[in-house]
Each structure stands twice: as C-alpha cells, then as structure tokens.
C-alpha atoms as a PDB file:
ATOM      1  CA  MET A   1       8.175 -93.135  49.149  1.00  0.00           C
ATOM      2  CA  PRO A   2       4.433 -93.769  50.436  1.00  0.00           C
ATOM      3  CA  GLY A   3       2.125 -95.496  48.174  1.00  0.00           C
ATOM      4  CA  LEU A   4       4.448 -97.473  46.183  1.00  0.00           C
ATOM      5  CA  PRO A   5       3.997-101.511  46.316  1.00  0.00           C
ATOM      6  CA  TYR A   6       7.615-102.694  46.894  1.00  0.00           C
ATOM      7  CA  ALA A   7       8.674-105.334  49.139  1.00  0.00           C
ATOM      8  CA  GLY A   8      11.621-105.186  50.856  1.00  0.00           C
ATOM      9  CA  PRO A   9      13.942-106.594  48.889  1.00  0.00           C
ATOM     10  CA  GLU A  10      13.420-105.156  46.513  1.00  0.00           C
ATOM     11  CA  LEU A  11      13.285-101.843  48.213  1.00  0.00           C
ATOM     12  CA  ARG A  12      16.804-102.873  49.132  1.00  0.00           C
ATOM     13  CA  ALA A  13      17.948-103.783  45.943  1.00  0.00           C
ATOM     14  CA  MET A  14      17.055-100.491  44.505  1.00  0.00           C
ATOM     15  CA  GLU A  15      19.193 -98.952  47.186  1.00  0.00           C
ATOM     16  CA  LEU A  16      22.085-101.290  46.608  1.00  0.00           C
ATOM     17  CA  SER A  17      21.242 -99.782  42.588  1.00  0.00           C
ATOM     18  CA  GLY A  18      21.306 -95.918  43.455  1.00  0.00           C
ATOM     19  CA  LEU A  19      17.900 -95.348  42.493  1.00  0.00           C
ATOM     20  CA  VAL A  20      16.633 -94.869  46.582  1.00  0.00           C
ATOM     21  CA  LEU A  21      17.724 -93.637  49.799  1.00  0.00           C
ATOM     22  CA  HIS A  22      16.763 -95.745  53.126  1.00  0.00           C
ATOM     23  CA  VAL A  23      15.786 -92.750  55.756  1.00  0.00           C
ATOM     24  CA  ILE A  24      14.405 -94.695  58.527  1.00  0.00           C
ATOM     25  CA  GLY A  25      12.459 -97.625  59.299  1.00  0.00           C
ATOM     26  CA  ASP A  26      10.315 -98.466  56.106  1.00  0.00           C
ATOM     27  CA  LEU A  27      10.853 -95.168  54.923  1.00  0.00           C
ATOM     28  CA  TYR A  28      12.684 -94.558  51.570  1.00  0.00           C
ATOM     29  CA  VAL A  29      13.067 -91.777  49.525  1.00  0.00           C
ATOM     30  CA  GLU A  30      13.871 -91.728  45.773  1.00  0.00           C
ATOM     31  CA  ALA A  31      17.205 -90.609  45.191  1.00  0.00           C
ATOM     32  CA  ASP A  32      16.854 -87.442  42.770  1.00  0.00           C
ATOM     33  CA  GLN A  33      14.154 -86.293  45.654  1.00  0.00           C
ATOM     34  CA  SER A  34      16.625 -86.325  48.178  1.00  0.00           C
ATOM     35  CA  GLU A  35      17.538 -83.620  50.014  1.00  0.00           C
ATOM     36  CA  SER A  36      20.892 -82.280  51.187  1.00  0.00           C
ATOM     37  CA  GLY A  37      22.638 -79.788  52.305  1.00  0.00           C
ATOM     38  CA  SER A  38      20.425 -77.147  54.518  1.00  0.00           C
ATOM     39  CA  ALA A  39      17.035 -79.320  53.693  1.00  0.00           C
ATOM     40  CA  ALA A  40      18.112 -82.315  54.684  1.00  0.00           C
ATOM     41  CA  PRO A  41      16.755 -81.589  58.464  1.00  0.00           C
ATOM     42  CA  ARG A  42      13.014 -81.763  56.507  1.00  0.00           C
ATOM     43  CA  LEU A  43      13.353 -84.974  55.196  1.00  0.00           C
ATOM     44  CA  ARG A  44      14.487 -86.395  58.791  1.00  0.00           C
ATOM     45  CA  ALA A  45      12.117 -84.832  60.663  1.00  0.00           C
ATOM     46  CA  ALA A  46       8.959 -85.516  58.166  1.00  0.00           C
ATOM     47  CA  ALA A  47      10.601 -89.037  58.420  1.00  0.00           C
ATOM     48  CA  VAL A  48       9.645 -89.415  62.078  1.00  0.00           C
ATOM     49  CA  HIS A  49       6.722 -86.768  62.081  1.00  0.00           C
ATOM     50  CA  ARG A  50       5.548 -89.814  59.596  1.00  0.00           C
ATOM     51  CA  LEU A  51       6.811 -92.981  61.552  1.00  0.00           C
ATOM     52  CA  ALA A  52       5.031 -91.639  65.069  1.00  0.00           C
ATOM     53  CA  ALA A  53       2.017 -89.578  64.260  1.00  0.00           C
ATOM     54  CA  PRO A  54      -0.170 -92.522  63.928  1.00  0.00           C
ATOM     55  CA  VAL A  55       0.487 -93.792  67.312  1.00  0.00           C
ATOM     56  CA  ILE A  56       1.067 -91.112  69.199  1.00  0.00           C
ATOM     57  CA  THR A  57      -1.782 -89.167  70.703  1.00  0.00           C
ATOM     58  CA  GLY A  58      -2.246 -85.603  72.575  1.00  0.00           C
ATOM     59  CA  ARG A  59       0.902 -83.411  72.983  1.00  0.00           C
ATOM     60  CA  TRP A  60       4.535 -84.981  72.477  1.00  0.00           C
ATOM     61  CA  ALA A  61       7.680 -84.109  71.248  1.00  0.00           C
ATOM     62  CA  ALA A  62      10.508 -86.106  69.400  1.00  0.00           C
ATOM     63  CA  MET A  63      13.882 -86.472  72.079  1.00  0.00           C
ATOM     64  CA  GLY A  64      17.081 -88.402  72.775  1.00  0.00           C
ATOM     65  CA  LEU A  65      18.486 -89.992  69.596  1.00  0.00           C
ATOM     66  CA  THR A  66      15.467 -89.298  67.402  1.00  0.00           C
ATOM     67  CA  ALA A  67      15.675 -85.108  68.484  1.00  0.00           C
ATOM     68  CA  ALA A  68      19.358 -85.350  67.664  1.00  0.00           C
ATOM     69  CA  TRP A  69      19.379 -87.362  64.571  1.00  0.00           C
ATOM     70  CA  ALA A  70      16.426 -85.140  63.384  1.00  0.00           C
ATOM     71  CA  PHE A  71      18.459 -81.985  63.975  1.00  0.00           C
ATOM     72  CA  THR A  72      22.158 -82.973  63.001  1.00  0.00           C
ATOM     73  CA  GLY A  73      21.575 -86.653  60.678  1.00  0.00           C
ATOM     74  CA  GLY A  74      23.859 -89.566  61.501  1.00  0.00           C
ATOM     75  CA  SER A  75      22.905 -92.507  61.865  1.00  0.00           C
ATOM     76  CA  ALA A  76      19.714 -93.217  62.302  1.00  0.00           C
ATOM     77  CA  PRO A  77      18.139 -94.366  65.564  1.00  0.00           C
ATOM     78  CA  ALA A  78      16.714 -97.893  65.834  1.00  0.00           C
ATOM     79  CA  VAL A  79      14.342 -96.554  68.250  1.00  0.00           C
ATOM     80  CA  LEU A  80      11.930 -93.972  68.157  1.00  0.00           C
ATOM     81  CA  GLU A  81      12.178 -91.795  71.355  1.00  0.00           C
ATOM     82  CA  ALA A  82       9.758 -89.493  72.140  1.00  0.00           C
ATOM     83  CA  SER A  83       8.111 -87.498  75.141  1.00  0.00           C
ATOM     84  CA  VAL A  84       4.002 -87.604  75.683  1.00  0.00           C
ATOM     85  CA  GLU A  85       1.913 -86.343  78.147  1.00  0.00           C
ATOM     86  CA  HIS A  86       0.305 -88.999  78.789  1.00  0.00           C
ATOM     87  CA  PHE A  87       0.298 -93.600  79.126  1.00  0.00           C
ATOM     88  CA  HIS A  88       0.344 -94.772  75.856  1.00  0.00           C
ATOM     89  CA  ARG A  89       0.141 -98.634  75.202  1.00  0.00           C
ATOM     90  CA  ILE A  90       2.809 -99.768  71.855  1.00  0.00           C
ATOM     91  CA  PRO A  91       0.704-100.778  69.662  1.00  0.00           C
ATOM     92  CA  LEU A  92       0.520-104.246  68.811  1.00  0.00           C
ATOM     93  CA  GLN A  93       1.330-103.758  64.927  1.00  0.00           C
ATOM     94  CA  PRO A  94       4.882-103.424  65.699  1.00  0.00           C
ATOM     95  CA  LEU A  95       6.763-100.334  63.927  1.00  0.00           C
ATOM     96  CA  SER A  96       9.234-100.568  61.583  1.00  0.00           C
ATOM     97  CA  VAL A  97      11.617 -99.403  63.895  1.00  0.00           C
ATOM     98  CA  ALA A  98      11.379 -99.882  67.845  1.00  0.00           C
ATOM     99  CA  LEU A  99       8.935 -97.140  69.963  1.00  0.00           C
ATOM    100  CA  ARG A 100       9.954 -95.526  73.243  1.00  0.00           C
ATOM    101  CA  LEU A 101       7.991 -93.318  75.023  1.00  0.00           C
ATOM    102  CA  GLU A 102       9.309 -91.402  78.231  1.00  0.00           C
ATOM    103  CA  GLN A 103       5.801 -90.298  80.089  1.00  0.00           C
ATOM    104  CA  SER A 104       7.207 -86.367  81.315  1.00  0.00           C
ATOM    105  CA  ASP A 105       6.224 -82.499  80.878  1.00  0.00           C
ATOM    106  CA  VAL A 106       8.442 -81.940  78.119  1.00  0.00           C
ATOM    107  CA  ALA A 107       5.742 -81.624  75.894  1.00  0.00           C
ATOM    108  CA  GLY A 108       3.620 -79.518  78.207  1.00  0.00           C
ATOM    109  CA  GLN A 109       7.412 -76.656  78.179  1.00  0.00           C
ATOM    110  CA  PRO A 110       7.343 -74.177  75.321  1.00  0.00           C
ATOM    111  CA  ALA A 111      10.999 -73.842  75.977  1.00  0.00           C
ATOM    112  CA  ASP A 112      11.594 -77.160  75.864  1.00  0.00           C
ATOM    113  CA  VAL A 113       9.730 -77.803  72.922  1.00  0.00           C
ATOM    114  CA  VAL A 114      10.660 -76.617  69.353  1.00  0.00           C
ATOM    115  CA  ASP A 115       9.015 -76.719  65.856  1.00  0.00           C
ATOM    116  CA  LEU A 116      11.557 -78.548  63.628  1.00  0.00           C
ATOM    117  CA  HIS A 117       9.687 -78.772  60.095  1.00  0.00           C
ATOM    118  CA  GLY A 118       6.580 -79.775  61.199  1.00  0.00           C
ATOM    119  CA  LEU A 119       7.968 -82.128  63.708  1.00  0.00           C
ATOM    120  CA  PRO A 120       7.568 -81.303  67.542  1.00  0.00           C
ATOM    121  CA  CYS A 121      10.966 -82.066  68.962  1.00  0.00           C
ATOM    122  CA  THR A 122      12.759 -81.256  72.397  1.00  0.00           C
ATOM    123  CA  SER A 123      14.952 -78.464  71.735  1.00  0.00           C
ATOM    124  CA  VAL A 124      18.849 -78.501  71.272  1.00  0.00           C
ATOM    125  CA  ASP A 125      19.607 -78.151  75.193  1.00  0.00           C
ATOM    126  CA  ARG A 126      16.866 -80.156  76.556  1.00  0.00           C
ATOM    127  CA  THR A 127      18.089 -82.865  73.916  1.00  0.00           C
ATOM    128  CA  ILE A 128      21.892 -82.932  75.007  1.00  0.00           C
ATOM    129  CA  GLU A 129      21.005 -82.871  78.598  1.00  0.00           C
ATOM    130  CA  ASP A 130      18.171 -85.898  77.883  1.00  0.00           C
ATOM    131  CA  LEU A 131      21.091 -87.716  76.424  1.00  0.00           C
ATOM    132  CA  LEU A 132      23.641 -87.269  78.887  1.00  0.00           C
ATOM    133  CA  ARG A 133      21.435 -88.058  81.371  1.00  0.00           C
ATOM    134  CA  ARG A 134      22.050 -91.548  80.028  1.00  0.00           C
ATOM    135  CA  THR A 135      26.284 -91.368  80.328  1.00  0.00           C
ATOM    136  CA  GLY A 136      25.800 -92.901  83.530  1.00  0.00           C
ATOM    137  CA  ASP A 137      24.669 -96.619  81.284  1.00  0.00           C
ATOM    138  CA  PRO A 138      28.115 -97.765  79.871  1.00  0.00           C
ATOM    139  CA  ARG A 139      25.353 -98.979  77.417  1.00  0.00           C
ATOM    140  CA  LEU A 140      24.117 -95.812  76.338  1.00  0.00           C
ATOM    141  CA  THR A 141      27.326 -93.800  76.838  1.00  0.00           C
ATOM    142  CA  ALA A 142      29.105 -93.911  73.372  1.00  0.00           C
ATOM    143  CA  ALA A 143      25.652 -93.004  71.205  1.00  0.00           C
ATOM    144  CA  ALA A 144      24.645 -90.471  73.449  1.00  0.00           C
ATOM    145  CA  MET A 145      27.995 -88.869  73.273  1.00  0.00           C
ATOM    146  CA  ALA A 146      28.656 -88.439  69.516  1.00  0.00           C
ATOM    147  CA  ALA A 147      24.782 -87.172  68.948  1.00  0.00           C
ATOM    148  CA  ALA A 148      25.585 -84.666  72.027  1.00  0.00           C
ATOM    149  CA  THR A 149      29.061 -83.522  69.972  1.00  0.00           C
ATOM    150  CA  ARG A 150      27.018 -83.478  66.349  1.00  0.00           C
ATOM    151  CA  LEU A 151      24.435 -80.768  68.534  1.00  0.00           C
ATOM    152  CA  LEU A 152      27.241 -79.079  70.602  1.00  0.00           C
ATOM    153  CA  PRO A 153      28.189 -76.553  67.443  1.00  0.00           C
ATOM    154  CA  LEU A 154      23.874 -75.158  67.686  1.00  0.00           C
ATOM    155  CA  THR A 155      23.955 -74.159  71.088  1.00  0.00           C
ATOM    156  CA  ASP A 156      25.546 -71.501  73.289  1.00  0.00           C
ATOM    157  CA  THR A 157      27.570 -73.777  75.487  1.00  0.00           C
ATOM    158  CA  VAL A 158      27.642 -70.972  78.581  1.00  0.00           C
ATOM    159  CA  ALA A 159      23.787 -71.369  78.864  1.00  0.00           C
ATOM    160  CA  LEU A 160      24.113 -75.095  78.475  1.00  0.00           C
ATOM    161  CA  ARG A 161      26.733 -75.462  81.378  1.00  0.00           C
ATOM    162  CA  ASP A 162      24.174 -73.007  83.375  1.00  0.00           C
ATOM    163  CA  ARG A 163      21.133 -75.320  82.146  1.00  0.00           C
ATOM    164  CA  PHE A 164      22.921 -78.243  83.891  1.00  0.00           C
ATOM    165  CA  GLU A 165      23.822 -76.549  87.089  1.00  0.00           C
ATOM    166  CA  SER A 166      20.771 -74.875  87.987  1.00  0.00           C
ATOM    167  CA  ARG A 167      18.654 -78.702  86.760  1.00  0.00           C
ATOM    168  CA  ARG A 168      21.202 -80.487  89.278  1.00  0.00           C
ATOM    169  CA  LYS A 169      19.034 -82.380  91.377  1.00  0.00           C
ATOM    170  CA  ARG A 170      17.466 -84.503  88.815  1.00  0.00           C
ATOM    171  CA  PRO A 171      18.183 -87.840  87.909  1.00  0.00           C
ATOM    172  CA  GLY A 172      21.220 -88.065  86.412  1.00  0.00           C
ATOM    173  CA  MET A 173      22.300 -85.180  85.976  1.00  0.00           C
ATOM    174  CA  ALA A 174      25.861 -85.747  87.956  1.00  0.00           C
ATOM    175  CA  PRO A 175      27.125 -87.895  84.773  1.00  0.00           C
ATOM    176  CA  ALA A 176      25.274 -85.687  82.697  1.00  0.00           C
ATOM    177  CA  ARG A 177      27.546 -82.739  84.007  1.00  0.00           C
ATOM    178  CA  ARG A 178      31.130 -84.600  84.218  1.00  0.00           C
ATOM    179  CA  ALA A 179      29.943 -85.629  80.494  1.00  0.00           C
ATOM    180  CA  LEU A 180      29.485 -81.843  79.660  1.00  0.00           C
ATOM    181  CA  GLY A 181      32.436 -81.086  81.285  1.00  0.00           C
ATOM    182  CA  ARG A 182      34.396 -83.734  79.070  1.00  0.00           C
ATOM    183  CA  LEU A 183      32.727 -82.481  76.148  1.00  0.00           C
ATOM    184  CA  LEU A 184      33.848 -78.695  76.498  1.00  0.00           C
ATOM    185  CA  ARG A 185      37.157 -79.939  77.291  1.00  0.00           C
ATOM    186  CA  ALA A 186      37.320 -81.783  73.707  1.00  0.00           C
END
C-alpha cells in the first residue's frame, strides 16, 4: 500500500479487521486487491523487488528462503536474502526486514537465475541447492527443509540429483546430498 499514511499499529488493526493483508516487512495489500492462486507469486515477487531494489545495485538475485517464498509462498521470510555480484554495505537505515547478502557468481550465471514476474531470482534447482547446503547447521535445518519440500514438485528430481552429484565438491554439499536423499524418500 505505497503512499498511504498509516502507522504500524493502524496497519495491524486494519489487518485484524480484514481490510488489508500483510505481505512482508512493512508491505501490505488491500484485501480486495490481493492476488491468490497462480497470481500470488506475482505479488510476492513485487514485494521482494520493492524492498531490495532501492538498496542493491548491479546484478543480483533473490536466493534461499526469500526465493523459495517468492516461488511457493508459506511464511514470509524474516531476512531478505540476495546473491550479489559485488560487495555492498548494509544500509544504515534499517529496512523493515533484515538483509543478508551473499557475494557470489550466481547473478552472472543465466542458468541459475530466472525472472519471476520481474524479480531476478535463483532458479528452483539452485534455490533447493542453496537451502539444503544449510542443513549442516541445526538452527537452519527445519526452515530449509520445509522450503525445499515446497519447491520439490516444481523440478525434475532426476536432474536435481544429477546437479547435486556434479557439484559434490562445493562447500556444504555433503549434508545437502544427505538432505536431498531424505526429501526424495519422503
């Protein structure tokens, strides 16, 4: 709801009364204009782009839990995650969500980045890989596994398994391969 002069408590009261729906951070949408079904990814992609674009320069792509949320929904991420091609300073003015940037070459690899309704986003396969590489850390495992489970129906599991095999020497791929095995058996 850009440009509307409502304070946080007013927005929360409007949300409780059903007038608006919370999207992510400080972004809300009027309930009668919310998108559902196949149009919902467009709303989530626009929300991520609106939060990230003003503070990230150069080529970038939403990744991790942020990319998974943009693709499939679920709980909005508390941290906006993006892969960037060069170093960024975290803004002094805090965003309505935390920002985690990972400097990597993913933004420059067309095979690993897709356009999701105007949002540069890691591909489904790359997003699953990034998520499952976190499963070595017990604090991150539950959220990563839940997001990867939601993404799994959107990909070819044979190609995904081949991707993991070909990248087995990357950091975090040993626990990622074990986690992928658990997901595919479930």
